[in-house]
Structures are given as C-alpha cells and as structure tokens.
N, C-alpha and C. Protein backbone atom coordinates (compact mmCIF):
# COMPACT_ATOMS: atom_id res chain seq x y z
N UNK A 1 0.77 -1.30 0.26
CA UNK A 1 0.04 -0.10 -0.19
C UNK A 1 0.70 1.39 0.06
N UNK A 2 0.51 2.20 -1.08
CA UNK A 2 1.31 3.40 -1.13
C UNK A 2 1.11 4.39 0.09
N UNK A 3 1.76 5.21 0.48
CA UNK A 3 1.86 6.70 1.30
C UNK A 3 0.39 7.31 1.23
N UNK A 4 0.21 7.46 -0.24
CA UNK A 4 -1.43 8.40 -0.74
C UNK A 4 -2.14 7.26 -0.32
N UNK A 5 -2.31 6.13 -0.79
CA UNK A 5 -3.29 5.14 0.02
C UNK A 5 -3.59 4.49 1.22
N UNK A 6 -2.59 5.17 2.41
CA UNK A 6 -2.73 4.50 3.56
C UNK A 6 -3.72 5.28 4.32
N UNK A 7 -4.74 5.00 5.19
CA UNK A 7 -5.55 5.88 6.10
C UNK A 7 -4.92 6.42 6.75
N UNK A 8 -5.23 7.87 7.37
CA UNK A 8 -4.51 8.37 7.97
C UNK A 8 -4.76 8.05 9.38
N UNK A 9 -3.86 8.23 10.14
CA UNK A 9 -4.19 7.52 11.53
C UNK A 9 -4.44 8.39 12.62
N UNK A 10 -4.90 8.31 13.73
CA UNK A 10 -5.79 9.22 14.46
C UNK A 10 -4.79 10.12 14.92
N UNK A 11 -3.42 9.41 15.13
CA UNK A 11 -2.48 10.61 15.36
C UNK A 11 -2.17 11.46 14.60
N UNK A 12 -1.94 11.08 13.62
CA UNK A 12 -1.66 11.59 12.16
C UNK A 12 -2.82 13.05 11.99
N UNK A 13 -3.98 12.61 12.36
CA UNK A 13 -4.85 13.64 12.11
C UNK A 13 -5.11 14.69 13.47
N UNK A 14 -4.76 14.27 14.52
CA UNK A 14 -4.69 15.07 15.37
C UNK A 14 -3.45 16.29 15.43
N UNK A 15 -2.53 15.65 14.65
CA UNK A 15 -1.33 16.55 14.59
C UNK A 15 -1.56 17.53 13.11
N UNK A 16 -2.24 17.24 12.70
CA UNK A 16 -3.12 18.14 11.41
C UNK A 16 -3.50 19.09 11.91
N UNK A 17 -4.41 18.42 12.68
CA UNK A 17 -5.34 19.63 13.67
C UNK A 17 -4.57 20.76 13.94
N UNK A 18 -3.67 20.30 14.85
CA UNK A 18 -2.97 21.02 15.66
C UNK A 18 -2.20 22.14 14.97
N UNK A 19 -1.50 21.81 13.41
CA UNK A 19 -0.75 22.31 12.64
C UNK A 19 -2.12 23.47 12.26
N UNK A 20 -3.59 22.91 11.56
CA UNK A 20 -4.34 23.73 11.28
C UNK A 20 -4.48 25.23 12.44
N UNK A 21 -4.67 24.84 13.56
CA UNK A 21 -4.98 26.16 14.80
C UNK A 21 -3.63 26.80 14.61
N UNK A 22 -2.36 26.18 14.52
CA UNK A 22 -1.18 27.17 14.74
C UNK A 22 -0.98 27.87 13.40
N UNK A 23 -1.78 27.32 12.37
CA UNK A 23 -1.62 28.49 10.98
C UNK A 23 -2.52 29.32 11.31
N UNK A 24 -4.10 29.37 11.95
CA UNK A 24 -5.01 30.09 12.17
C UNK A 24 -4.69 30.83 13.30
N UNK A 25 -3.70 30.32 14.15
CA UNK A 25 -3.48 31.52 15.09
C UNK A 25 -2.30 32.15 15.00
N UNK A 26 -1.47 32.24 13.78
CA UNK A 26 -0.37 32.94 13.21
C UNK A 26 0.61 32.25 13.97
N UNK A 27 0.98 31.19 14.31
CA UNK A 27 2.30 30.75 14.76
C UNK A 27 3.18 30.11 13.63
N UNK A 28 2.49 29.56 12.46
CA UNK A 28 3.44 29.20 11.65
C UNK A 28 2.79 29.94 10.24
N UNK A 29 3.52 29.93 9.43
CA UNK A 29 2.85 30.83 7.89
C UNK A 29 2.83 29.61 7.39
N UNK A 30 2.11 29.98 6.06
CA UNK A 30 0.93 29.32 5.17
C UNK A 30 2.72 28.13 4.48
N UNK A 31 3.39 28.71 4.07
CA UNK A 31 4.67 27.65 3.64
C UNK A 31 4.91 26.61 4.49
N UNK A 32 4.72 27.04 5.83
CA UNK A 32 5.34 25.69 6.61
C UNK A 32 3.75 24.80 6.87
N UNK A 33 3.02 25.93 7.13
CA UNK A 33 1.66 24.71 7.30
C UNK A 33 1.48 23.68 6.07
N UNK A 34 1.63 24.36 4.34
CA UNK A 34 1.64 23.47 3.53
C UNK A 34 2.39 22.41 3.09
N UNK A 35 3.67 22.50 3.59
CA UNK A 35 4.67 21.95 3.82
C UNK A 35 4.41 20.46 4.92
N UNK A 36 4.06 20.66 6.13
CA UNK A 36 3.50 19.51 7.04
C UNK A 36 2.17 18.88 6.59
N UNK A 37 1.17 19.44 5.88
CA UNK A 37 0.16 18.95 5.52
C UNK A 37 0.50 18.03 4.22
N UNK A 38 1.34 18.21 3.67
CA UNK A 38 1.48 17.87 2.03
C UNK A 38 2.26 16.48 2.51
N UNK A 39 3.45 16.65 3.41
CA UNK A 39 4.28 15.54 4.02
C UNK A 39 3.16 14.35 4.44
N UNK A 40 2.15 14.57 4.98
CA UNK A 40 1.06 13.69 5.78
C UNK A 40 0.34 13.16 5.05
N UNK A 41 -0.48 14.29 4.03
CA UNK A 41 -1.58 13.51 3.38
C UNK A 41 -1.20 13.16 2.25
N UNK A 42 -0.47 13.62 1.26
CA UNK A 42 -0.04 13.43 0.38
C UNK A 42 -0.60 13.72 -0.75
N UNK A 43 -0.80 12.97 -1.91
CA UNK A 43 -1.78 13.54 -3.11
C UNK A 43 -2.95 13.44 -3.05
N UNK A 44 -3.36 12.69 -1.56
CA UNK A 44 -4.92 12.26 -1.47
C UNK A 44 -5.69 13.42 -0.96
N UNK A 45 -4.94 14.75 -0.38
CA UNK A 45 -5.61 16.14 -0.14
C UNK A 45 -5.69 16.98 -1.53
N UNK A 46 -5.21 16.68 -2.70
CA UNK A 46 -5.33 17.47 -3.76
C UNK A 46 -6.74 17.36 -4.55
N UNK A 47 -7.00 18.09 -5.11
CA UNK A 47 -8.18 18.37 -5.88
C UNK A 47 -7.55 17.32 -7.07
N UNK A 48 -8.61 16.50 -7.41
CA UNK A 48 -8.43 15.92 -8.67
C UNK A 48 -9.02 16.55 -10.10
N UNK A 49 -8.44 16.80 -10.93
CA UNK A 49 -9.11 17.36 -12.34
C UNK A 49 -9.63 16.40 -13.47
N UNK A 50 -10.63 16.56 -13.47
CA UNK A 50 -11.42 15.56 -14.70
C UNK A 50 -10.67 15.59 -15.75
N UNK A 51 -10.12 14.79 -16.68
CA UNK A 51 -9.32 14.53 -17.94
C UNK A 51 -10.28 15.29 -19.22
N UNK A 52 -9.74 15.92 -20.01
CA UNK A 52 -10.38 16.31 -21.25
C UNK A 52 -9.99 15.82 -22.18
N UNK A 53 -10.68 15.88 -22.93
CA UNK A 53 -10.64 14.70 -24.39
C UNK A 53 -10.26 16.27 -25.54
N UNK A 54 -10.00 15.12 -26.63
CA UNK A 54 -9.48 16.41 -27.55
C UNK A 54 -11.10 17.23 -28.08
N UNK A 55 -11.78 16.92 -28.02
CA UNK A 55 -13.21 17.58 -28.24
C UNK A 55 -13.81 18.78 -27.06
N UNK A 56 -13.57 18.16 -25.94
CA UNK A 56 -12.97 19.18 -24.80
C UNK A 56 -12.45 20.57 -24.84
N UNK A 57 -11.22 20.30 -25.36
CA UNK A 57 -9.91 21.04 -25.78
C UNK A 57 -10.54 22.27 -26.78
N UNK A 58 -10.93 21.56 -27.91
CA UNK A 58 -11.56 22.17 -29.23
C UNK A 58 -12.18 23.03 -29.01
N UNK A 59 -13.56 22.51 -28.20
CA UNK A 59 -14.43 23.62 -27.51
C UNK A 59 -14.36 24.76 -27.15
N UNK A 60 -13.20 24.37 -26.00
CA UNK A 60 -12.98 25.49 -24.98
C UNK A 60 -12.18 26.47 -25.61
N UNK A 61 -11.20 26.23 -27.08
CA UNK A 61 -10.80 26.81 -27.60
C UNK A 61 -11.83 27.77 -28.49
N UNK A 62 -12.49 27.18 -29.10
CA UNK A 62 -13.82 27.80 -29.94
C UNK A 62 -14.49 28.44 -29.06
N UNK A 63 -14.69 28.37 -28.10
CA UNK A 63 -15.76 29.22 -27.24
C UNK A 63 -15.13 30.13 -26.55
N UNK A 64 -13.67 30.54 -26.66
CA UNK A 64 -12.96 31.27 -26.33
C UNK A 64 -12.70 32.44 -27.39
N UNK A 65 -12.79 31.95 -28.68
CA UNK A 65 -12.38 32.12 -29.61
C UNK A 65 -11.19 32.90 -29.71
N UNK A 66 -10.08 31.99 -29.59
CA UNK A 66 -9.14 32.09 -29.87
C UNK A 66 -8.22 30.90 -31.17
N UNK A 67 -7.57 31.13 -31.79
CA UNK A 67 -6.69 30.45 -32.57
C UNK A 67 -5.36 29.46 -31.50
N UNK A 68 -5.40 28.58 -32.04
CA UNK A 68 -4.32 27.57 -31.37
C UNK A 68 -3.18 28.12 -30.91
N UNK A 69 -2.68 29.41 -32.12
CA UNK A 69 -1.34 30.20 -31.35
C UNK A 69 -1.91 31.03 -30.14
N UNK A 70 -2.83 31.54 -29.93
CA UNK A 70 -3.18 32.58 -28.95
C UNK A 70 -3.42 31.59 -27.75
N UNK A 71 -4.06 30.43 -27.83
CA UNK A 71 -4.38 29.60 -26.58
C UNK A 71 -2.93 29.10 -26.04
N UNK A 72 -2.07 28.86 -27.34
CA UNK A 72 -0.72 28.15 -26.77
C UNK A 72 -0.14 29.19 -25.64
N UNK A 73 0.12 30.30 -26.37
CA UNK A 73 0.88 31.68 -25.79
C UNK A 73 0.22 31.61 -24.26
N UNK A 74 -1.38 31.46 -23.96
CA UNK A 74 -1.70 31.58 -22.79
C UNK A 74 -1.31 30.22 -21.81
N UNK A 75 -1.36 29.29 -22.37
CA UNK A 75 -0.98 28.27 -21.42
C UNK A 75 0.49 27.80 -21.59
N UNK A 76 1.52 28.50 -22.03
CA UNK A 76 2.92 28.42 -22.30
C UNK A 76 3.10 27.21 -22.98
N UNK A 77 2.49 27.16 -23.91
CA UNK A 77 2.75 25.72 -24.58
C UNK A 77 3.22 26.19 -25.85
N UNK A 78 3.73 25.14 -27.33
CA UNK A 78 3.96 25.32 -28.33
C UNK A 78 2.29 25.02 -28.79
N UNK A 79 2.14 25.71 -30.37
CA UNK A 79 1.40 25.52 -30.96
C UNK A 79 0.92 24.17 -31.10
N UNK A 80 2.01 23.23 -31.70
CA UNK A 80 2.09 22.01 -31.78
C UNK A 80 1.47 21.17 -30.85
N UNK A 81 1.58 21.50 -29.49
CA UNK A 81 1.02 20.47 -28.54
C UNK A 81 -0.21 20.94 -28.45
N UNK A 82 -0.86 22.20 -28.75
CA UNK A 82 -2.37 22.58 -28.89
C UNK A 82 -2.86 21.59 -29.57
N UNK A 83 -2.17 21.84 -31.11
CA UNK A 83 -2.79 21.11 -31.98
C UNK A 83 -2.53 19.41 -31.72
N UNK A 84 -1.82 18.70 -31.10
CA UNK A 84 -1.78 17.75 -30.59
C UNK A 84 -2.98 17.37 -29.55
N UNK A 85 -3.32 17.95 -28.59
CA UNK A 85 -4.64 17.56 -27.57
C UNK A 85 -5.62 17.73 -28.71
N UNK A 86 -5.87 18.91 -29.64
CA UNK A 86 -7.19 18.79 -30.34
C UNK A 86 -7.18 17.64 -31.11
N UNK A 87 -6.54 17.21 -31.84
CA UNK A 87 -6.21 15.78 -32.23
C UNK A 87 -6.48 14.14 -31.72
N UNK A 88 -6.39 14.46 -30.15
CA UNK A 88 -6.30 13.45 -29.60
C UNK A 88 -5.04 12.85 -29.34
N UNK A 89 -3.92 13.09 -30.32
CA UNK A 89 -2.55 12.59 -30.31
C UNK A 89 -1.70 12.32 -28.65
N UNK A 90 -2.33 13.50 -27.86
CA UNK A 90 -1.82 13.68 -26.48
C UNK A 90 -3.18 14.41 -26.16
N UNK A 91 -2.57 14.04 -24.36
CA UNK A 91 -3.58 14.39 -23.54
C UNK A 91 -3.21 15.40 -22.76
N UNK A 92 -3.46 16.90 -22.13
CA UNK A 92 -3.06 17.48 -21.46
C UNK A 92 -2.97 16.63 -20.06
N UNK A 93 -1.82 17.47 -19.33
CA UNK A 93 -1.55 16.82 -18.24
C UNK A 93 -0.64 18.15 -17.48
N UNK A 94 -0.34 18.31 -16.21
CA UNK A 94 0.16 19.03 -15.35
C UNK A 94 -0.53 20.99 -15.38
N UNK A 95 0.62 21.45 -15.72
CA UNK A 95 -0.43 23.13 -15.48
C UNK A 95 -1.09 23.49 -16.47
N UNK A 96 -0.68 22.54 -18.15
CA UNK A 96 -1.71 22.72 -19.04
C UNK A 96 -2.88 22.58 -18.79
N UNK A 97 -2.97 21.16 -17.84
CA UNK A 97 -4.36 20.84 -17.56
C UNK A 97 -5.03 21.30 -16.59
N UNK A 98 -4.40 22.14 -15.73
CA UNK A 98 -4.66 23.03 -14.62
C UNK A 98 -5.34 23.91 -15.46
N UNK A 99 -4.75 24.89 -16.67
CA UNK A 99 -5.15 25.57 -16.96
C UNK A 99 -6.43 25.69 -17.63
N UNK A 100 -6.43 24.62 -18.22
CA UNK A 100 -7.52 24.40 -19.22
C UNK A 100 -8.86 23.99 -18.19
N UNK A 101 -8.68 23.48 -17.00
CA UNK A 101 -9.82 22.76 -15.94
C UNK A 101 -10.11 24.22 -15.47
N UNK A 102 -9.41 25.47 -15.36
CA UNK A 102 -10.10 26.58 -15.15
C UNK A 102 -10.51 27.23 -16.12
N UNK A 103 -10.28 27.30 -17.15
CA UNK A 103 -11.01 27.68 -18.32
C UNK A 103 -12.30 27.09 -18.59
N UNK A 104 -12.35 25.66 -18.59
CA UNK A 104 -13.41 24.68 -18.52
C UNK A 104 -14.64 25.58 -17.51
N UNK A 105 -13.95 25.92 -16.01
CA UNK A 105 -14.73 26.24 -14.97
C UNK A 105 -15.35 27.33 -15.07
N UNK A 106 -14.29 28.60 -14.85
CA UNK A 106 -14.18 29.73 -15.00
C UNK A 106 -14.47 30.91 -15.97
N UNK A 107 -14.34 30.12 -17.24
CA UNK A 107 -14.38 31.21 -18.86
C UNK A 107 -12.69 31.38 -18.56
N UNK A 108 -12.43 31.62 -20.02
CA UNK A 108 -10.99 32.28 -20.41
C UNK A 108 -10.38 33.15 -19.79
N UNK A 109 -11.74 34.13 -19.02
CA UNK A 109 -11.00 35.30 -18.60
C UNK A 109 -10.59 35.31 -17.19
N UNK A 110 -10.75 34.04 -16.80
CA UNK A 110 -10.07 33.51 -15.32
C UNK A 110 -8.35 33.75 -15.28
N UNK A 111 -7.90 33.19 -17.00
CA UNK A 111 -6.42 33.07 -17.24
C UNK A 111 -5.89 34.57 -17.59
N UNK A 112 -6.54 35.38 -18.13
CA UNK A 112 -6.02 36.65 -19.06
C UNK A 112 -5.86 37.36 -18.12
C-alpha cells in the first residue's frame, strides 16, 4: 500500500488539526503549514482534475474565440502541443491541464 493510499492515523489527524490551529493562530506561516500537511496527506488531499478529451480542448478554444497560437501562448505551450491535444494525439497534463480546467470552470477571462 503506497503512502497516498494509507488511511490517516488518529495521531496524524490530531497533528494536522494542531497544525491547522497553529496556522489560524499565526504561529506558523502558510508555507510551513503546506509543507507539514503535504508530507502527511500526500496527493490524496489535492483536488482531482477531470481529464479533458480532444473535443473538450477544441470546444474550449472555440468558445474562447482563440486560434491555436493564441491559446498556446496563454498556456505557455507550443502550437504543436495544442494541435496534438485537439487531435487526440496527446492528453493535457500538469500545468496545461490545470489551466484548461480553470478555463472550463470559470471561462477564459480567469487566466487573462
């Protein structure tokens, strides 16, 4: 069983609650709090982004009324990568997936 799949122990939950209280009380800063919690909860505490299909990417771009070149610039990727996403040759990952998810949920204005 990997660290991300393990059930959080009672002691760990108590420590995380204490860390939350310390953050709210100003005893530790945000960076220290995130380091503590990420070490203990791992990826299971992160929001999961639904995968995007080629049709989804193309529809997002069309709805934003952008060319592949303009969308690529906003995502900080190449035009070829956007083309591959729209053809289904590749699936978006990492920062590109996160930005496309924001566009899907909030519209293109959220990243401009």
